[in-house]
Amino acid sequence: MATVHSTDGSTHTERALLAERPTLYAAEISGFSSAFACSRRARPSAGGWSPGGTRLERTFAFELRSPLHWPLGAALGSLFRKALRRNHENFLRHLERQEGAATGSEAGDP
């Protein structure tokens, strides 16, 4: 179990449920200090890296503390999906730069 500190100052707790390196990782996320505090927990139903290349896939199921939080949860879910896509794009660009540095070429060079 670990506390994750985000750049916006928020925190949450992650507890590893499954780890099969290098292809699979699943964790239960709880203890949100951000806008997601209306969620009791988030459980990724799948996550991992595919062999033969980098492909990051993660899906989440958020459990709201109360049905009254549904409107807020729906809005936050949309924002979360957008932020997660941007995070994954940045992560993949970072990996491409690392691979390019290791081979002595820039990402996108033939």
N, C-alpha and C. Protein backbone atom coordinates (compact mmCIF):
# COMPACT_ATOMS: atom_id res chain seq x y z
N MET A 1 0.85 -1.16 0.00
CA MET A 1 0.00 0.00 0.00
C MET A 1 0.90 1.23 0.00
N ALA A 2 0.50 2.24 -0.77
CA ALA A 2 1.30 3.46 -0.87
C ALA A 2 0.39 4.67 -1.03
N THR A 3 0.86 5.79 -0.54
CA THR A 3 0.17 7.06 -0.75
C THR A 3 0.77 7.72 -1.97
N VAL A 4 -0.09 8.12 -2.91
CA VAL A 4 0.35 8.77 -4.15
C VAL A 4 0.06 10.26 -4.02
N HIS A 5 1.09 11.08 -4.28
CA HIS A 5 0.97 12.53 -4.21
C HIS A 5 0.96 13.07 -5.64
N SER A 6 -0.15 13.70 -6.03
CA SER A 6 -0.29 14.26 -7.38
C SER A 6 0.26 15.67 -7.43
N THR A 7 0.56 16.13 -8.65
CA THR A 7 1.13 17.47 -8.81
C THR A 7 0.16 18.57 -8.40
N ASP A 8 -1.15 18.28 -8.35
CA ASP A 8 -2.11 19.30 -7.92
C ASP A 8 -2.23 19.37 -6.40
N GLY A 9 -1.42 18.57 -5.69
CA GLY A 9 -1.44 18.59 -4.23
C GLY A 9 -2.37 17.56 -3.61
N SER A 10 -3.18 16.90 -4.41
CA SER A 10 -4.09 15.89 -3.88
C SER A 10 -3.34 14.58 -3.64
N THR A 11 -3.96 13.72 -2.84
CA THR A 11 -3.37 12.42 -2.55
C THR A 11 -4.43 11.34 -2.64
N HIS A 12 -3.98 10.11 -2.80
CA HIS A 12 -4.85 8.95 -2.69
C HIS A 12 -3.98 7.76 -2.32
N THR A 13 -4.61 6.69 -1.91
CA THR A 13 -3.90 5.48 -1.50
C THR A 13 -4.11 4.41 -2.56
N GLU A 14 -3.05 3.71 -2.91
CA GLU A 14 -3.15 2.58 -3.85
C GLU A 14 -2.68 1.31 -3.14
N ARG A 15 -3.48 0.27 -3.29
CA ARG A 15 -3.13 -1.04 -2.75
C ARG A 15 -3.06 -2.01 -3.91
N ALA A 16 -1.88 -2.58 -4.14
CA ALA A 16 -1.69 -3.52 -5.25
C ALA A 16 -2.52 -4.77 -5.01
N LEU A 17 -3.29 -5.17 -6.03
CA LEU A 17 -4.08 -6.38 -5.96
C LEU A 17 -3.45 -7.51 -6.77
N LEU A 18 -2.80 -7.13 -7.87
CA LEU A 18 -2.23 -8.10 -8.77
C LEU A 18 -1.07 -7.47 -9.51
N ALA A 19 0.03 -8.17 -9.60
CA ALA A 19 1.18 -7.67 -10.35
C ALA A 19 1.89 -8.85 -10.99
N GLU A 20 1.82 -8.89 -12.31
CA GLU A 20 2.54 -9.89 -13.08
C GLU A 20 3.44 -9.12 -14.03
N ARG A 21 4.66 -8.85 -13.58
CA ARG A 21 5.58 -8.06 -14.37
C ARG A 21 5.98 -8.79 -15.62
N PRO A 22 6.10 -8.13 -16.73
CA PRO A 22 5.91 -6.70 -16.95
C PRO A 22 4.57 -6.37 -17.57
N THR A 23 3.62 -7.28 -17.59
CA THR A 23 2.43 -7.06 -18.41
C THR A 23 1.15 -6.68 -17.66
N LEU A 24 1.05 -6.91 -16.37
CA LEU A 24 -0.23 -6.69 -15.71
C LEU A 24 -0.05 -6.06 -14.34
N TYR A 25 -0.91 -5.11 -14.04
CA TYR A 25 -0.91 -4.46 -12.73
C TYR A 25 -2.34 -4.05 -12.42
N ALA A 26 -2.82 -4.37 -11.24
CA ALA A 26 -4.14 -3.94 -10.80
C ALA A 26 -4.05 -3.46 -9.37
N ALA A 27 -4.76 -2.39 -9.06
CA ALA A 27 -4.72 -1.82 -7.71
C ALA A 27 -6.09 -1.29 -7.33
N GLU A 28 -6.36 -1.27 -6.04
CA GLU A 28 -7.55 -0.61 -5.52
C GLU A 28 -7.11 0.76 -5.04
N ILE A 29 -7.84 1.79 -5.42
CA ILE A 29 -7.49 3.16 -5.08
C ILE A 29 -8.56 3.70 -4.13
N SER A 30 -8.12 4.32 -3.04
CA SER A 30 -9.07 4.86 -2.05
C SER A 30 -8.44 6.07 -1.37
N GLY A 31 -9.14 6.63 -0.39
CA GLY A 31 -8.60 7.74 0.38
C GLY A 31 -8.35 8.99 -0.43
N PHE A 32 -9.26 9.31 -1.33
CA PHE A 32 -9.10 10.49 -2.19
C PHE A 32 -9.17 11.78 -1.37
N SER A 33 -8.26 12.72 -1.64
CA SER A 33 -8.33 14.03 -1.00
C SER A 33 -8.78 15.09 -2.00
N SER A 34 -9.05 14.69 -3.23
CA SER A 34 -9.42 15.61 -4.30
C SER A 34 -10.94 15.63 -4.48
N ALA A 35 -11.36 16.11 -5.63
CA ALA A 35 -12.79 16.12 -5.95
C ALA A 35 -13.37 14.72 -5.95
N PHE A 36 -12.51 13.70 -6.07
CA PHE A 36 -12.98 12.32 -6.06
C PHE A 36 -13.29 11.82 -4.65
N ALA A 37 -13.25 12.72 -3.66
CA ALA A 37 -13.58 12.33 -2.29
C ALA A 37 -15.02 11.83 -2.19
N CYS A 38 -15.86 12.14 -3.19
CA CYS A 38 -17.23 11.62 -3.19
C CYS A 38 -17.24 10.13 -3.53
N SER A 39 -16.08 9.61 -3.96
CA SER A 39 -15.96 8.18 -4.26
C SER A 39 -15.39 7.46 -3.06
N ARG A 40 -15.95 6.31 -2.78
CA ARG A 40 -15.41 5.48 -1.71
C ARG A 40 -14.11 4.85 -2.16
N ARG A 41 -14.12 4.34 -3.41
CA ARG A 41 -12.91 3.73 -3.96
C ARG A 41 -13.06 3.58 -5.46
N ALA A 42 -11.93 3.35 -6.11
CA ALA A 42 -11.91 3.08 -7.55
C ALA A 42 -11.15 1.79 -7.73
N ARG A 43 -11.72 0.90 -8.50
CA ARG A 43 -11.08 -0.39 -8.74
C ARG A 43 -10.80 -0.55 -10.21
N PRO A 44 -9.53 -0.53 -10.61
CA PRO A 44 -9.25 -0.82 -12.02
C PRO A 44 -9.65 -2.26 -12.32
N SER A 45 -10.44 -2.45 -13.35
CA SER A 45 -10.81 -3.81 -13.71
C SER A 45 -9.77 -4.44 -14.61
N ALA A 46 -8.92 -3.61 -15.20
CA ALA A 46 -7.83 -4.13 -16.03
C ALA A 46 -6.76 -3.07 -16.13
N GLY A 47 -5.55 -3.50 -16.25
CA GLY A 47 -4.46 -2.55 -16.44
C GLY A 47 -3.22 -3.30 -16.82
N GLY A 48 -2.43 -2.73 -17.69
CA GLY A 48 -1.20 -3.41 -18.01
C GLY A 48 -0.56 -2.93 -19.28
N TRP A 49 0.55 -3.53 -19.58
CA TRP A 49 1.35 -3.24 -20.75
C TRP A 49 1.37 -4.48 -21.61
N SER A 50 1.13 -4.34 -22.89
CA SER A 50 1.09 -5.49 -23.79
C SER A 50 2.49 -5.86 -24.24
N PRO A 51 2.77 -7.17 -24.36
CA PRO A 51 4.07 -7.59 -24.89
C PRO A 51 4.21 -7.17 -26.35
N GLY A 52 5.45 -6.98 -26.81
CA GLY A 52 5.68 -6.63 -28.21
C GLY A 52 5.52 -5.16 -28.50
N GLY A 53 5.44 -4.34 -27.50
CA GLY A 53 5.27 -2.91 -27.70
C GLY A 53 4.59 -2.33 -26.49
N THR A 54 4.56 -1.03 -26.42
CA THR A 54 3.95 -0.39 -25.27
C THR A 54 2.51 -0.06 -25.59
N ARG A 55 1.62 -0.64 -24.85
CA ARG A 55 0.20 -0.33 -24.97
C ARG A 55 -0.37 -0.34 -23.56
N LEU A 56 -0.69 0.81 -23.09
CA LEU A 56 -1.18 0.95 -21.73
C LEU A 56 -2.69 1.03 -21.75
N GLU A 57 -3.34 0.14 -21.03
CA GLU A 57 -4.79 0.13 -20.93
C GLU A 57 -5.17 0.09 -19.47
N ARG A 58 -6.07 0.97 -19.08
CA ARG A 58 -6.57 0.96 -17.72
C ARG A 58 -8.04 1.30 -17.75
N THR A 59 -8.82 0.58 -17.00
CA THR A 59 -10.24 0.90 -16.84
C THR A 59 -10.54 0.98 -15.35
N PHE A 60 -11.47 1.84 -14.99
CA PHE A 60 -11.79 2.07 -13.59
C PHE A 60 -13.28 1.93 -13.34
N ALA A 61 -13.64 1.49 -12.15
CA ALA A 61 -15.02 1.48 -11.69
C ALA A 61 -15.04 2.26 -10.38
N PHE A 62 -15.71 3.41 -10.37
CA PHE A 62 -15.78 4.23 -9.17
C PHE A 62 -17.03 3.86 -8.38
N GLU A 63 -16.89 3.70 -7.10
CA GLU A 63 -18.01 3.41 -6.21
C GLU A 63 -18.31 4.68 -5.42
N LEU A 64 -19.48 5.28 -5.67
CA LEU A 64 -19.84 6.54 -5.00
C LEU A 64 -20.31 6.27 -3.58
N ARG A 65 -20.09 7.21 -2.70
CA ARG A 65 -20.49 7.07 -1.30
C ARG A 65 -22.01 7.12 -1.14
N SER A 66 -22.68 7.81 -2.04
CA SER A 66 -24.13 7.97 -1.95
C SER A 66 -24.70 8.15 -3.35
N PRO A 67 -25.94 7.67 -3.59
CA PRO A 67 -26.57 7.93 -4.90
C PRO A 67 -26.74 9.42 -5.18
N LEU A 68 -26.76 10.23 -4.14
CA LEU A 68 -26.89 11.68 -4.34
C LEU A 68 -25.66 12.28 -5.01
N HIS A 69 -24.55 11.57 -5.00
CA HIS A 69 -23.33 12.04 -5.64
C HIS A 69 -23.30 11.74 -7.14
N TRP A 70 -24.34 11.08 -7.67
CA TRP A 70 -24.31 10.66 -9.07
C TRP A 70 -24.05 11.81 -10.04
N PRO A 71 -24.74 12.97 -9.95
CA PRO A 71 -24.46 14.05 -10.92
C PRO A 71 -23.01 14.51 -10.87
N LEU A 72 -22.46 14.66 -9.68
CA LEU A 72 -21.06 15.05 -9.56
C LEU A 72 -20.16 13.94 -10.09
N GLY A 73 -20.49 12.69 -9.78
CA GLY A 73 -19.70 11.57 -10.27
C GLY A 73 -19.67 11.48 -11.78
N ALA A 74 -20.81 11.76 -12.43
CA ALA A 74 -20.87 11.71 -13.89
C ALA A 74 -19.96 12.79 -14.49
N ALA A 75 -20.02 13.99 -13.94
CA ALA A 75 -19.17 15.08 -14.45
C ALA A 75 -17.70 14.77 -14.21
N LEU A 76 -17.36 14.30 -13.02
CA LEU A 76 -15.98 13.98 -12.71
C LEU A 76 -15.47 12.81 -13.56
N GLY A 77 -16.36 11.86 -13.84
CA GLY A 77 -15.96 10.73 -14.68
C GLY A 77 -15.52 11.18 -16.06
N SER A 78 -16.23 12.13 -16.63
CA SER A 78 -15.87 12.66 -17.95
C SER A 78 -14.52 13.36 -17.89
N LEU A 79 -14.32 14.19 -16.88
CA LEU A 79 -13.04 14.89 -16.72
C LEU A 79 -11.90 13.90 -16.45
N PHE A 80 -12.18 12.86 -15.68
CA PHE A 80 -11.17 11.86 -15.36
C PHE A 80 -10.72 11.13 -16.62
N ARG A 81 -11.68 10.73 -17.47
CA ARG A 81 -11.32 10.04 -18.71
C ARG A 81 -10.42 10.91 -19.59
N LYS A 82 -10.74 12.20 -19.69
CA LYS A 82 -9.93 13.12 -20.50
C LYS A 82 -8.53 13.24 -19.91
N ALA A 83 -8.43 13.41 -18.60
CA ALA A 83 -7.12 13.55 -17.95
C ALA A 83 -6.31 12.26 -18.08
N LEU A 84 -6.97 11.12 -17.97
CA LEU A 84 -6.27 9.84 -18.07
C LEU A 84 -5.73 9.63 -19.49
N ARG A 85 -6.52 9.99 -20.51
CA ARG A 85 -6.04 9.90 -21.89
C ARG A 85 -4.80 10.77 -22.09
N ARG A 86 -4.84 12.00 -21.58
CA ARG A 86 -3.70 12.90 -21.70
C ARG A 86 -2.49 12.35 -20.96
N ASN A 87 -2.71 11.78 -19.78
CA ASN A 87 -1.62 11.17 -19.01
C ASN A 87 -0.99 10.02 -19.78
N HIS A 88 -1.80 9.18 -20.38
CA HIS A 88 -1.28 8.04 -21.15
C HIS A 88 -0.50 8.52 -22.38
N GLU A 89 -1.00 9.54 -23.06
CA GLU A 89 -0.29 10.08 -24.23
C GLU A 89 1.09 10.62 -23.81
N ASN A 90 1.13 11.34 -22.69
CA ASN A 90 2.41 11.86 -22.19
C ASN A 90 3.34 10.73 -21.79
N PHE A 91 2.80 9.71 -21.16
CA PHE A 91 3.60 8.55 -20.74
C PHE A 91 4.21 7.85 -21.95
N LEU A 92 3.43 7.65 -22.99
CA LEU A 92 3.93 6.98 -24.20
C LEU A 92 4.98 7.84 -24.90
N ARG A 93 4.79 9.17 -24.94
CA ARG A 93 5.81 10.06 -25.52
C ARG A 93 7.11 9.97 -24.73
N HIS A 94 7.00 9.90 -23.41
CA HIS A 94 8.18 9.76 -22.56
C HIS A 94 8.91 8.45 -22.88
N LEU A 95 8.18 7.36 -23.03
CA LEU A 95 8.80 6.07 -23.36
C LEU A 95 9.48 6.13 -24.72
N GLU A 96 8.84 6.78 -25.69
CA GLU A 96 9.44 6.90 -27.03
C GLU A 96 10.75 7.69 -26.96
N ARG A 97 10.77 8.75 -26.16
CA ARG A 97 12.00 9.54 -26.01
C ARG A 97 13.10 8.70 -25.37
N GLN A 98 12.73 7.89 -24.37
CA GLN A 98 13.72 7.02 -23.72
C GLN A 98 14.26 5.99 -24.71
N GLU A 99 13.36 5.39 -25.50
CA GLU A 99 13.79 4.40 -26.49
C GLU A 99 14.70 5.06 -27.52
N GLY A 100 14.36 6.28 -27.95
CA GLY A 100 15.19 7.01 -28.92
C GLY A 100 16.55 7.32 -28.35
N ALA A 101 16.61 7.70 -27.08
CA ALA A 101 17.90 7.99 -26.45
C ALA A 101 18.73 6.72 -26.33
N ALA A 102 18.08 5.59 -26.06
CA ALA A 102 18.81 4.33 -25.93
C ALA A 102 19.38 3.86 -27.26
N THR A 103 18.68 4.16 -28.38
CA THR A 103 19.14 3.73 -29.69
C THR A 103 19.92 4.81 -30.42
N GLY A 104 19.95 6.01 -29.84
CA GLY A 104 20.69 7.12 -30.45
C GLY A 104 19.91 7.83 -31.53
N SER A 105 18.60 7.63 -31.61
CA SER A 105 17.79 8.32 -32.60
C SER A 105 16.65 9.04 -31.89
N GLU A 106 16.06 9.97 -32.57
CA GLU A 106 14.90 10.69 -32.05
C GLU A 106 13.66 9.89 -32.38
N ALA A 107 12.62 10.03 -31.53
CA ALA A 107 11.35 9.37 -31.81
C ALA A 107 10.82 9.83 -33.15
N GLY A 108 10.39 8.90 -33.96
CA GLY A 108 9.87 9.21 -35.28
C GLY A 108 10.90 9.14 -36.38
N ASP A 109 12.20 9.05 -36.03
CA ASP A 109 13.24 8.89 -37.06
C ASP A 109 13.18 7.47 -37.61
N PRO A 110 13.44 7.30 -38.93
CA PRO A 110 13.42 5.94 -39.49
C PRO A 110 14.57 5.11 -39.01
